[in-house]
Amino acid sequence: MTYVFLETERLRLRAFTEADVEDLVALDGDPEVMRFLTGGAPTPPDTIRTRTLPRLLHDHPGLGTRGYWAAEEKSTGTFLGWFEFRPLEDTTPTVVELGYRLNKSAWGRGYATEGSRALIDKGFTDLGVERVTANTMTVNHRSRRVMEKSGLTYLRTFHTNWPHPIEGSEHGEVEYELTRAAWEQARHRPA
């Protein structure tokens, strides 16, 4: 039985297993999914097995759990992709990074926002998180919109040295954040 970390109305976020390799190869093999990560180049299957999967299976002592979760459609069990809710420092849950990578078939259906909001709520209520941060390329408007709909606000634009620059990287990356105080304030605001 696979450990289920969190369920929403439509999603099940569960622990990754070795059996997820082929789904991960398919996800990272889609040029559109990888557009803002590698310029569309697929991740080699051997890299998925030797680097990606071990990272997804890692337990973070400060958080008391893993930092990456396989996302499944609750009604069908279909693999949709994954969510990241990983502490920036392995030994403390104070600041976590939110991320998501979903199959193209899941785009535009609200799954990224639904999963992100649920993780944020769990982080602030159960895991001792004080700040959630998320990054994407400046030109990745869909991902930025998910961050905004999940309650995060724009913090800054920054530039990194890409070893292999891709289209749009010249515009830099953006960081969004949500603090516990801002999350609590939003929860208590009248609807």
Protein backbone atom coordinates (compact mmCIF):
# COMPACT_ATOMS: atom_id res chain seq x y z
CA MET A 1 0.00 0.00 0.00
CA THR A 2 1.40 3.37 -1.03
CA TYR A 3 1.42 6.16 1.54
CA VAL A 4 -1.13 8.88 0.71
CA PHE A 5 0.07 12.25 1.99
CA LEU A 6 -2.93 14.36 1.07
CA GLU A 7 -6.24 14.19 -0.75
CA THR A 8 -8.27 17.00 -2.24
CA GLU A 9 -11.62 16.91 -3.96
CA ARG A 10 -10.05 15.59 -7.17
CA LEU A 11 -6.43 14.73 -6.36
CA ARG A 12 -4.49 12.17 -4.40
CA LEU A 13 -0.90 13.10 -3.53
CA ARG A 14 1.03 9.98 -2.63
CA ALA A 15 4.59 8.86 -2.02
CA PHE A 16 6.61 7.98 -5.10
CA THR A 17 7.74 4.38 -5.60
CA GLU A 18 10.21 2.66 -7.92
CA ALA A 19 7.20 1.69 -10.06
CA ASP A 20 6.72 5.34 -11.11
CA VAL A 21 9.77 5.42 -13.39
CA GLU A 22 7.91 4.99 -16.69
CA ASP A 23 5.36 7.69 -15.80
CA LEU A 24 8.24 10.03 -14.95
CA VAL A 25 10.04 9.21 -18.20
CA ALA A 26 6.85 10.04 -20.13
CA LEU A 27 6.33 13.27 -18.17
CA ASP A 28 9.90 14.52 -18.65
CA GLY A 29 9.88 13.29 -22.24
CA ASP A 30 7.14 15.69 -23.34
CA PRO A 31 8.73 18.74 -25.05
CA GLU A 32 5.87 21.02 -23.97
CA VAL A 33 6.15 19.96 -20.31
CA MET A 34 9.91 20.58 -20.44
CA ARG A 35 9.73 23.84 -22.41
CA PHE A 36 10.55 26.16 -19.49
CA LEU A 37 13.00 23.74 -17.89
CA THR A 38 15.21 22.42 -20.66
CA GLY A 39 13.91 24.23 -23.73
CA GLY A 40 11.92 21.08 -24.54
CA ALA A 41 14.75 18.55 -24.38
CA PRO A 42 13.64 15.30 -22.70
CA THR A 43 15.29 13.99 -19.58
CA PRO A 44 17.10 10.74 -20.46
CA PRO A 45 15.50 7.65 -18.86
CA ASP A 46 18.77 6.75 -17.14
CA THR A 47 18.82 10.19 -15.48
CA ILE A 48 15.25 9.62 -14.26
CA ARG A 49 16.31 6.30 -12.68
CA THR A 50 19.64 7.43 -11.16
CA ARG A 51 19.01 11.08 -10.23
CA THR A 52 15.35 12.09 -10.41
CA LEU A 53 13.75 9.15 -8.63
CA PRO A 54 16.20 9.18 -5.69
CA ARG A 55 15.47 12.90 -5.22
CA LEU A 56 11.71 12.19 -5.26
CA LEU A 57 12.11 9.38 -2.70
CA HIS A 58 14.16 11.49 -0.23
CA ASP A 59 12.77 12.06 3.28
CA HIS A 60 13.47 15.49 4.79
CA PRO A 61 14.16 15.21 8.55
CA GLY A 62 13.05 18.77 9.34
CA LEU A 63 9.72 18.29 7.59
CA GLY A 64 9.28 14.75 8.87
CA THR A 65 8.24 13.54 5.44
CA ARG A 66 9.13 13.61 1.77
CA GLY A 67 9.23 16.73 -0.33
CA TYR A 68 7.82 15.41 -3.62
CA TRP A 69 4.45 13.75 -4.18
CA ALA A 70 3.03 11.85 -7.13
CA ALA A 71 -0.28 13.39 -8.19
CA GLU A 72 -3.09 11.09 -9.24
CA GLU A 73 -6.60 11.82 -10.34
CA LYS A 74 -8.66 10.48 -7.43
CA SER A 75 -11.52 9.13 -9.51
CA THR A 76 -9.37 7.14 -11.97
CA GLY A 77 -5.93 6.71 -10.37
CA THR A 78 -4.36 8.27 -13.49
CA PHE A 79 -0.84 9.65 -12.94
CA LEU A 80 -0.98 13.41 -13.56
CA GLY A 81 2.54 14.45 -12.54
CA TRP A 82 4.00 15.64 -9.27
CA PHE A 83 4.05 18.38 -6.65
CA GLU A 84 7.05 19.63 -4.71
CA PHE A 85 6.73 20.91 -1.16
CA ARG A 86 10.34 20.65 -0.07
CA PRO A 87 12.23 22.49 2.66
CA LEU A 88 15.09 24.64 1.41
CA GLU A 89 17.14 23.40 4.37
CA ASP A 90 16.81 19.68 4.98
CA THR A 91 16.72 20.01 8.77
CA THR A 92 13.99 22.66 9.17
CA PRO A 93 10.49 23.16 7.75
CA THR A 94 10.62 26.95 8.10
CA VAL A 95 10.91 27.74 4.37
CA VAL A 96 9.60 25.36 1.72
CA GLU A 97 9.66 25.51 -2.04
CA LEU A 98 6.42 24.84 -3.89
CA GLY A 99 6.58 23.34 -7.36
CA TYR A 100 4.54 21.26 -9.77
CA ARG A 101 4.99 19.42 -13.04
CA LEU A 102 1.88 18.02 -14.64
CA ASN A 103 1.13 16.13 -17.83
CA LYS A 104 -0.25 18.22 -20.65
CA SER A 105 -3.59 16.41 -20.32
CA ALA A 106 -3.94 17.91 -16.82
CA TRP A 107 -3.27 21.51 -17.89
CA GLY A 108 -6.05 24.07 -17.70
CA ARG A 109 -8.18 21.96 -15.35
CA GLY A 110 -7.26 23.63 -12.06
CA TYR A 111 -5.22 20.70 -10.73
CA ALA A 112 -2.04 22.73 -10.17
CA THR A 113 -3.90 25.34 -8.13
CA GLU A 114 -5.92 22.73 -6.21
CA GLY A 115 -2.83 20.74 -5.23
CA SER A 116 -0.78 23.84 -4.42
CA ARG A 117 -3.45 25.31 -2.14
CA ALA A 118 -3.86 22.02 -0.29
CA LEU A 119 -0.10 21.70 0.25
CA ILE A 120 0.15 25.29 1.45
CA ASP A 121 -2.70 24.79 3.91
CA LYS A 122 -1.16 21.55 5.22
CA GLY A 123 2.25 23.21 5.52
CA PHE A 124 0.96 26.10 7.60
CA THR A 125 -1.46 24.04 9.73
CA ASP A 126 0.44 20.77 10.28
CA LEU A 127 4.10 21.02 9.26
CA GLY A 128 5.48 24.16 10.94
CA VAL A 129 6.07 26.07 7.70
CA GLU A 130 6.58 29.84 8.03
CA ARG A 131 7.17 30.78 4.39
CA VAL A 132 6.40 29.20 1.02
CA THR A 133 8.44 30.22 -2.00
CA ALA A 134 8.11 29.34 -5.69
CA ASN A 135 10.15 30.19 -8.78
CA THR A 136 9.64 30.04 -12.52
CA MET A 137 10.89 31.70 -15.66
CA THR A 138 9.53 35.24 -16.09
CA VAL A 139 7.93 34.20 -19.39
CA ASN A 140 6.11 31.18 -17.90
CA HIS A 141 2.79 32.98 -17.50
CA ARG A 142 0.74 29.83 -16.79
CA SER A 143 2.89 28.83 -13.85
CA ARG A 144 2.91 32.40 -12.53
CA ARG A 145 -0.89 32.44 -12.67
CA VAL A 146 -1.05 29.22 -10.61
CA MET A 147 1.22 30.80 -8.00
CA GLU A 148 -1.02 33.86 -7.81
CA LYS A 149 -4.23 31.80 -7.62
CA SER A 150 -2.61 29.76 -4.83
CA GLY A 151 -2.12 32.90 -2.73
CA LEU A 152 1.53 33.65 -3.43
CA THR A 153 2.61 37.17 -4.37
CA TYR A 154 5.41 38.38 -6.61
CA LEU A 155 8.61 39.08 -4.67
CA ARG A 156 11.36 39.68 -7.23
CA THR A 157 12.88 39.05 -10.64
CA PHE A 158 16.37 37.63 -10.69
CA HIS A 159 18.86 36.35 -13.24
CA THR A 160 20.84 33.13 -12.99
CA ASN A 161 23.63 31.83 -15.14
CA TRP A 162 21.99 29.11 -17.25
CA PRO A 163 24.58 26.54 -18.39
CA HIS A 164 22.49 26.03 -21.55
CA PRO A 165 20.28 29.12 -22.03
CA ILE A 166 16.81 28.46 -23.44
CA GLU A 167 14.37 30.78 -25.15
CA GLY A 168 13.06 33.28 -22.61
CA SER A 169 15.87 32.81 -20.08
CA GLU A 170 17.21 36.25 -20.97
CA HIS A 171 14.17 37.72 -19.13
CA GLY A 172 15.22 36.04 -15.89
CA GLU A 173 13.22 34.20 -13.29
CA VAL A 174 10.63 35.34 -10.79
CA GLU A 175 10.17 34.42 -7.16
CA TYR A 176 6.79 34.40 -5.44
CA GLU A 177 6.13 33.92 -1.74
CA LEU A 178 3.47 33.45 0.91
CA THR A 179 4.20 33.93 4.60
CA ARG A 180 2.25 32.35 7.42
CA ALA A 181 1.08 35.82 8.51
CA ALA A 182 -0.25 36.67 5.04
CA TRP A 183 -1.92 33.24 4.77
CA GLU A 184 -3.61 33.67 8.16
CA GLN A 185 -4.74 37.18 7.27
CA ALA A 186 -6.27 35.95 3.99
CA ARG A 187 -8.10 33.14 5.81
CA HIS A 188 -9.75 35.58 8.19
CA ARG A 189 -10.79 38.05 5.49
CA PRO A 190 -14.57 38.06 4.89
CA ALA A 191 -15.56 36.35 1.64
